Structure formats: structure tokens, C-alpha cells
N, C-alpha and C. Protein backbone atom coordinates (compact mmCIF):
# COMPACT_ATOMS: atom_id res chain seq x y z
N MET A 1 76.20 69.03 75.38
CA MET A 1 76.81 69.78 74.29
C MET A 1 75.70 70.37 73.43
N TYR A 2 75.83 71.63 73.14
CA TYR A 2 74.84 72.31 72.31
C TYR A 2 75.21 72.19 70.84
N SER A 3 74.18 72.16 70.01
CA SER A 3 74.40 72.20 68.57
C SER A 3 73.69 73.44 68.04
N TRP A 4 73.97 73.79 66.81
CA TRP A 4 73.33 74.95 66.20
C TRP A 4 71.82 74.77 66.13
N ALA A 5 71.36 73.55 66.15
CA ALA A 5 69.93 73.28 66.12
C ALA A 5 69.26 73.74 67.41
N ASP A 6 70.05 73.81 68.51
CA ASP A 6 69.50 74.24 69.80
C ASP A 6 69.34 75.75 69.90
N VAL A 7 69.98 76.48 69.00
CA VAL A 7 69.95 77.94 69.06
C VAL A 7 68.67 78.43 68.40
N SER A 8 67.89 79.20 69.15
CA SER A 8 66.65 79.70 68.56
C SER A 8 66.94 80.91 67.67
N ARG A 9 66.03 81.19 66.79
CA ARG A 9 66.16 82.32 65.89
C ARG A 9 65.99 83.63 66.66
N PHE A 10 66.67 84.66 66.16
CA PHE A 10 66.55 85.98 66.77
C PHE A 10 65.14 86.50 66.58
N SER A 11 64.61 87.09 67.63
CA SER A 11 63.27 87.64 67.57
C SER A 11 63.23 88.95 68.35
N TRP A 12 62.73 90.01 67.70
CA TRP A 12 62.59 91.29 68.40
C TRP A 12 61.57 91.16 69.53
N LYS A 13 60.57 90.35 69.31
CA LYS A 13 59.54 90.14 70.35
C LYS A 13 60.17 89.51 71.59
N ASP A 14 61.02 88.51 71.39
CA ASP A 14 61.70 87.87 72.51
C ASP A 14 62.67 88.82 73.20
N ARG A 15 63.34 89.68 72.41
CA ARG A 15 64.26 90.67 73.01
C ARG A 15 63.47 91.64 73.86
N ALA A 16 62.31 92.07 73.38
CA ALA A 16 61.46 92.99 74.15
C ALA A 16 61.02 92.32 75.46
N LYS A 17 60.68 91.05 75.38
CA LYS A 17 60.30 90.32 76.60
C LYS A 17 61.46 90.28 77.59
N SER A 18 62.67 90.08 77.08
CA SER A 18 63.82 89.99 77.98
C SER A 18 64.07 91.33 78.69
N PHE A 19 63.84 92.44 77.99
CA PHE A 19 63.95 93.75 78.64
C PHE A 19 62.87 93.91 79.70
N GLY A 20 61.69 93.37 79.42
CA GLY A 20 60.60 93.40 80.41
C GLY A 20 60.96 92.62 81.66
N TYR A 21 61.58 91.44 81.48
CA TYR A 21 62.02 90.65 82.63
C TYR A 21 63.07 91.40 83.44
N ALA A 22 63.99 92.05 82.74
CA ALA A 22 65.04 92.83 83.42
C ALA A 22 64.42 93.98 84.20
N ALA A 23 63.48 94.69 83.61
CA ALA A 23 62.81 95.79 84.31
C ALA A 23 62.04 95.27 85.52
N SER A 24 61.43 94.12 85.37
CA SER A 24 60.72 93.51 86.50
C SER A 24 61.69 93.20 87.64
N GLY A 25 62.86 92.70 87.30
CA GLY A 25 63.87 92.41 88.31
C GLY A 25 64.31 93.66 89.05
N LEU A 26 64.48 94.76 88.31
CA LEU A 26 64.86 96.02 88.95
C LEU A 26 63.74 96.52 89.86
N ARG A 27 62.49 96.38 89.42
CA ARG A 27 61.36 96.80 90.27
C ARG A 27 61.32 95.99 91.55
N VAL A 28 61.51 94.68 91.45
CA VAL A 28 61.53 93.83 92.64
C VAL A 28 62.66 94.26 93.57
N MET A 29 63.83 94.51 93.00
CA MET A 29 64.97 94.92 93.81
C MET A 29 64.65 96.22 94.55
N LEU A 30 64.05 97.18 93.86
CA LEU A 30 63.74 98.46 94.48
C LEU A 30 62.64 98.32 95.55
N ARG A 31 61.72 97.39 95.35
CA ARG A 31 60.64 97.18 96.33
C ARG A 31 61.11 96.42 97.56
N THR A 32 62.08 95.53 97.39
CA THR A 32 62.41 94.61 98.48
C THR A 32 63.74 94.89 99.16
N GLN A 33 64.61 95.65 98.55
CA GLN A 33 65.95 95.86 99.11
C GLN A 33 66.09 97.30 99.60
N HIS A 34 66.13 97.46 100.89
CA HIS A 34 66.20 98.80 101.46
C HIS A 34 67.46 99.53 101.04
N ASN A 35 68.56 98.81 100.91
CA ASN A 35 69.81 99.46 100.49
C ASN A 35 69.73 100.00 99.06
N ALA A 36 68.84 99.45 98.25
CA ALA A 36 68.69 99.95 96.89
C ALA A 36 68.21 101.40 96.91
N TRP A 37 67.41 101.77 97.90
CA TRP A 37 66.95 103.15 98.01
C TRP A 37 68.10 104.08 98.38
N ILE A 38 69.04 103.58 99.17
CA ILE A 38 70.24 104.37 99.47
C ILE A 38 71.02 104.57 98.17
N HIS A 39 71.13 103.51 97.36
CA HIS A 39 71.83 103.62 96.08
C HIS A 39 71.13 104.62 95.15
N VAL A 40 69.79 104.60 95.14
CA VAL A 40 69.05 105.57 94.33
C VAL A 40 69.40 106.98 94.78
N SER A 41 69.36 107.21 96.08
CA SER A 41 69.62 108.55 96.62
C SER A 41 71.01 109.05 96.23
N PHE A 42 72.02 108.20 96.43
CA PHE A 42 73.37 108.63 96.11
C PHE A 42 73.61 108.73 94.60
N SER A 43 72.93 107.89 93.82
CA SER A 43 73.05 108.01 92.36
C SER A 43 72.48 109.34 91.89
N VAL A 44 71.30 109.69 92.39
CA VAL A 44 70.68 110.97 92.02
C VAL A 44 71.54 112.13 92.49
N LEU A 45 72.08 112.04 93.71
CA LEU A 45 72.96 113.09 94.24
C LEU A 45 74.19 113.26 93.35
N ALA A 46 74.82 112.14 92.97
CA ALA A 46 76.03 112.21 92.15
C ALA A 46 75.73 112.82 90.78
N VAL A 47 74.63 112.42 90.17
CA VAL A 47 74.29 112.97 88.86
C VAL A 47 73.97 114.46 88.98
N GLY A 48 73.22 114.82 90.01
CA GLY A 48 72.90 116.23 90.23
C GLY A 48 74.15 117.06 90.46
N LEU A 49 75.07 116.57 91.30
CA LEU A 49 76.32 117.28 91.52
C LEU A 49 77.14 117.39 90.23
N GLY A 50 77.13 116.31 89.46
CA GLY A 50 77.87 116.33 88.20
C GLY A 50 77.40 117.45 87.29
N PHE A 51 76.07 117.60 87.17
CA PHE A 51 75.54 118.69 86.34
C PHE A 51 75.81 120.04 86.98
N ALA A 52 75.60 120.14 88.28
CA ALA A 52 75.78 121.43 88.97
C ALA A 52 77.22 121.91 88.93
N LEU A 53 78.16 120.98 89.02
CA LEU A 53 79.57 121.35 89.08
C LEU A 53 80.26 121.30 87.73
N GLY A 54 79.55 120.89 86.69
CA GLY A 54 80.10 120.88 85.34
C GLY A 54 81.33 119.98 85.19
N ILE A 55 81.20 118.73 85.62
CA ILE A 55 82.34 117.81 85.54
C ILE A 55 82.64 117.45 84.08
N SER A 56 83.87 117.01 83.86
CA SER A 56 84.33 116.69 82.50
C SER A 56 83.76 115.35 82.03
N VAL A 57 83.94 115.08 80.76
CA VAL A 57 83.48 113.81 80.19
C VAL A 57 84.17 112.64 80.88
N LEU A 58 85.46 112.75 81.09
CA LEU A 58 86.19 111.68 81.77
C LEU A 58 85.67 111.47 83.19
N GLU A 59 85.37 112.56 83.88
CA GLU A 59 84.80 112.44 85.23
C GLU A 59 83.41 111.82 85.19
N TRP A 60 82.62 112.17 84.17
CA TRP A 60 81.31 111.52 84.00
C TRP A 60 81.47 110.01 83.81
N CYS A 61 82.49 109.63 83.05
CA CYS A 61 82.74 108.20 82.84
C CYS A 61 83.04 107.51 84.16
N ALA A 62 83.85 108.14 85.00
CA ALA A 62 84.18 107.56 86.30
C ALA A 62 82.95 107.46 87.18
N ILE A 63 82.16 108.53 87.23
CA ILE A 63 80.96 108.54 88.06
C ILE A 63 79.95 107.51 87.54
N ALA A 64 79.71 107.50 86.24
CA ALA A 64 78.78 106.52 85.67
C ALA A 64 79.27 105.10 85.91
N GLY A 65 80.57 104.90 85.81
CA GLY A 65 81.13 103.56 86.03
C GLY A 65 80.91 103.06 87.44
N VAL A 66 81.15 103.91 88.44
CA VAL A 66 80.95 103.44 89.81
C VAL A 66 79.48 103.32 90.18
N ILE A 67 78.64 104.19 89.61
CA ILE A 67 77.20 104.02 89.83
C ILE A 67 76.76 102.67 89.27
N ALA A 68 77.18 102.36 88.06
CA ALA A 68 76.84 101.07 87.45
C ALA A 68 77.40 99.91 88.28
N LEU A 69 78.62 100.05 88.75
CA LEU A 69 79.24 99.00 89.56
C LEU A 69 78.42 98.71 90.81
N VAL A 70 77.98 99.75 91.50
CA VAL A 70 77.18 99.55 92.71
C VAL A 70 75.86 98.88 92.37
N TRP A 71 75.19 99.33 91.31
CA TRP A 71 73.91 98.74 90.93
C TRP A 71 74.06 97.28 90.49
N ILE A 72 75.12 96.99 89.77
CA ILE A 72 75.37 95.60 89.35
C ILE A 72 75.61 94.73 90.57
N ALA A 73 76.43 95.20 91.49
CA ALA A 73 76.71 94.42 92.70
C ALA A 73 75.43 94.20 93.51
N GLU A 74 74.61 95.24 93.65
CA GLU A 74 73.35 95.11 94.41
C GLU A 74 72.40 94.14 93.73
N ALA A 75 72.31 94.19 92.41
CA ALA A 75 71.43 93.27 91.68
C ALA A 75 71.90 91.83 91.84
N LEU A 76 73.20 91.60 91.71
CA LEU A 76 73.72 90.24 91.87
C LEU A 76 73.56 89.75 93.31
N ASN A 77 73.75 90.64 94.28
CA ASN A 77 73.53 90.28 95.67
C ASN A 77 72.07 89.90 95.90
N THR A 78 71.16 90.68 95.36
CA THR A 78 69.73 90.40 95.50
C THR A 78 69.39 89.06 94.86
N ALA A 79 69.92 88.81 93.67
CA ALA A 79 69.66 87.55 92.97
C ALA A 79 70.19 86.37 93.77
N LEU A 80 71.41 86.49 94.28
CA LEU A 80 72.00 85.40 95.06
C LEU A 80 71.19 85.13 96.33
N GLU A 81 70.78 86.19 97.02
CA GLU A 81 69.99 86.02 98.24
C GLU A 81 68.66 85.34 97.94
N ALA A 82 68.00 85.76 96.88
CA ALA A 82 66.71 85.16 96.52
C ALA A 82 66.87 83.69 96.16
N LEU A 83 67.89 83.39 95.39
CA LEU A 83 68.13 82.00 95.00
C LEU A 83 68.47 81.15 96.22
N ALA A 84 69.34 81.69 97.09
CA ALA A 84 69.73 80.95 98.29
C ALA A 84 68.52 80.70 99.19
N ASP A 85 67.67 81.72 99.35
CA ASP A 85 66.48 81.56 100.19
C ASP A 85 65.51 80.54 99.60
N ALA A 86 65.42 80.49 98.28
CA ALA A 86 64.53 79.52 97.64
C ALA A 86 65.06 78.09 97.80
N LEU A 87 66.37 77.94 97.72
CA LEU A 87 66.97 76.61 97.82
C LEU A 87 67.09 76.12 99.27
N MET A 88 67.33 77.07 100.18
CA MET A 88 67.57 76.69 101.58
C MET A 88 66.91 77.73 102.48
N PRO A 89 65.58 77.59 102.71
CA PRO A 89 64.87 78.59 103.51
C PRO A 89 65.38 78.68 104.96
N GLU A 90 65.80 77.56 105.52
CA GLU A 90 66.33 77.60 106.89
C GLU A 90 67.79 78.05 106.85
N ARG A 91 68.25 78.59 107.98
CA ARG A 91 69.61 79.12 108.05
C ARG A 91 70.62 77.99 107.88
N HIS A 92 71.62 78.26 107.05
CA HIS A 92 72.70 77.30 106.82
C HIS A 92 74.01 78.08 106.80
N PRO A 93 75.05 77.59 107.50
CA PRO A 93 76.29 78.36 107.59
C PRO A 93 76.95 78.66 106.24
N LYS A 94 76.90 77.73 105.31
CA LYS A 94 77.53 77.98 104.01
C LYS A 94 76.73 78.98 103.18
N ILE A 95 75.41 78.94 103.31
CA ILE A 95 74.57 79.93 102.63
C ILE A 95 74.84 81.31 103.23
N ALA A 96 75.01 81.37 104.55
CA ALA A 96 75.32 82.64 105.21
C ALA A 96 76.63 83.22 104.69
N VAL A 97 77.62 82.36 104.49
CA VAL A 97 78.91 82.82 103.95
C VAL A 97 78.71 83.40 102.56
N ALA A 98 77.94 82.72 101.72
CA ALA A 98 77.70 83.20 100.36
C ALA A 98 76.98 84.55 100.38
N LYS A 99 75.95 84.67 101.22
CA LYS A 99 75.21 85.92 101.32
C LYS A 99 76.10 87.04 101.84
N ASP A 100 76.91 86.75 102.86
CA ASP A 100 77.80 87.77 103.41
C ASP A 100 78.84 88.20 102.39
N ALA A 101 79.36 87.26 101.63
CA ALA A 101 80.35 87.61 100.60
C ALA A 101 79.72 88.50 99.53
N ALA A 102 78.51 88.18 99.13
CA ALA A 102 77.82 89.00 98.12
C ALA A 102 77.54 90.40 98.67
N ALA A 103 77.13 90.48 99.93
CA ALA A 103 76.91 91.78 100.55
C ALA A 103 78.24 92.54 100.66
N GLY A 104 79.31 91.82 100.93
CA GLY A 104 80.63 92.45 100.98
C GLY A 104 81.02 93.04 99.64
N ALA A 105 80.64 92.37 98.55
CA ALA A 105 80.93 92.91 97.22
C ALA A 105 80.20 94.23 97.00
N VAL A 106 78.97 94.33 97.50
CA VAL A 106 78.24 95.59 97.39
C VAL A 106 78.95 96.67 98.19
N LEU A 107 79.43 96.31 99.38
CA LEU A 107 80.15 97.26 100.21
C LEU A 107 81.42 97.76 99.52
N VAL A 108 82.17 96.84 98.92
CA VAL A 108 83.39 97.24 98.20
C VAL A 108 83.04 98.19 97.06
N ALA A 109 81.99 97.89 96.31
CA ALA A 109 81.57 98.77 95.21
C ALA A 109 81.15 100.13 95.73
N ALA A 110 80.43 100.15 96.84
CA ALA A 110 79.98 101.42 97.41
C ALA A 110 81.16 102.26 97.91
N VAL A 111 82.12 101.62 98.55
CA VAL A 111 83.31 102.34 99.01
C VAL A 111 84.07 102.90 97.81
N ALA A 112 84.21 102.12 96.75
CA ALA A 112 84.86 102.60 95.54
C ALA A 112 84.13 103.82 94.98
N ALA A 113 82.79 103.77 95.02
CA ALA A 113 82.00 104.90 94.52
C ALA A 113 82.22 106.15 95.36
N VAL A 114 82.31 105.96 96.67
CA VAL A 114 82.56 107.11 97.56
C VAL A 114 83.94 107.70 97.28
N VAL A 115 84.93 106.84 97.08
CA VAL A 115 86.29 107.32 96.78
C VAL A 115 86.30 108.10 95.47
N VAL A 116 85.71 107.53 94.43
CA VAL A 116 85.67 108.22 93.13
C VAL A 116 84.89 109.53 93.25
N GLY A 117 83.75 109.49 93.95
CA GLY A 117 82.97 110.71 94.16
C GLY A 117 83.78 111.77 94.89
N GLY A 118 84.55 111.34 95.89
CA GLY A 118 85.40 112.28 96.61
C GLY A 118 86.47 112.89 95.73
N LEU A 119 87.05 112.06 94.88
CA LEU A 119 88.10 112.57 93.98
C LEU A 119 87.54 113.52 92.93
N VAL A 120 86.35 113.23 92.44
CA VAL A 120 85.75 114.07 91.40
C VAL A 120 85.12 115.33 92.00
N PHE A 121 84.32 115.17 93.06
CA PHE A 121 83.57 116.30 93.59
C PHE A 121 84.30 117.05 94.71
N GLY A 122 85.16 116.34 95.44
CA GLY A 122 85.80 116.94 96.59
C GLY A 122 86.53 118.25 96.32
N PRO A 123 87.43 118.27 95.34
CA PRO A 123 88.14 119.53 95.09
C PRO A 123 87.22 120.69 94.72
N ARG A 124 86.20 120.44 93.94
CA ARG A 124 85.27 121.50 93.55
C ARG A 124 84.47 121.99 94.76
N LEU A 125 84.01 121.06 95.57
CA LEU A 125 83.24 121.44 96.76
C LEU A 125 84.10 122.20 97.76
N LEU A 126 85.32 121.74 97.94
CA LEU A 126 86.24 122.44 98.86
C LEU A 126 86.60 123.83 98.35
N ALA A 127 86.80 123.94 97.04
CA ALA A 127 87.09 125.25 96.45
C ALA A 127 85.91 126.19 96.64
N GLY A 128 84.71 125.67 96.57
CA GLY A 128 83.52 126.48 96.79
C GLY A 128 83.39 126.94 98.23
N LEU A 129 83.83 126.09 99.15
CA LEU A 129 83.76 126.45 100.57
C LEU A 129 84.87 127.39 101.00
N PHE A 130 86.07 127.14 100.48
CA PHE A 130 87.25 127.89 100.94
C PHE A 130 87.83 128.83 99.89
N GLY A 131 87.24 128.85 98.70
CA GLY A 131 87.83 129.63 97.62
C GLY A 131 87.23 130.93 97.42
């Protein structure tokens, strides 16, 4: 049980450190996870298309939301894999299930992003091709 005595005082220096740790985690993810580069490519493509096609604020919210969803899922998947590998370096069936489930979450997020991207960009792109 925690008491108020256990809570440390707020510190801007500590908050800055925590942002540094978060940035370090993103750098590690980008260096070690090949799928993260696919996410970078599609994120840049979606943002570029959004500007080029002049999407609405609501559409930007949808695009930003699914981009964030994919990145969050990938970061959590990376964290779970790293933790699992540290705890159980040899192959274990239950660890494999956990890793596969986390990877499945990334897949679900990516499919959702493709669907939202299709709904937002598809009509404009089709109108440009056939209009």
C-alpha cells in the first residue's frame, strides 16, 4: 500500500528525463523492428496524402488516430517481446502465444488504419482517376 510519503515531488528535470527515456525507446524500436519502418513509410504517406488532398479536420482526426493506434500497438508489442526475451530467452509455448497475440494486435491496428485510409483517401483518389 502506498502512502503520500511515497510520492515524490514534481520535478521538471525528472519530467525531461522521462521524455528522454521515451525518445530512447522509440529510437530502439526504429533500429530493431523492421515493421516499424513500414509504419514510418505509411505514416509519412498518409500525412502527405492528407495535405495533398486537403482532407477535413475530422478526417485528420481519424488519420492521426489510426496512425497513433498503430504506433502504440507496435511499441507495446516491442516492449512485450523484449521483456519476454529477457525473462525467457529459450523458446516457450506460452511466451510464443503472448508474442503472437501482441503481434496480432499490431495487425488489427494496421488493418484498421488501412480501412480508415481507404475511407478517407479512396473517394478522392478514385475521383482523380475517373473524374
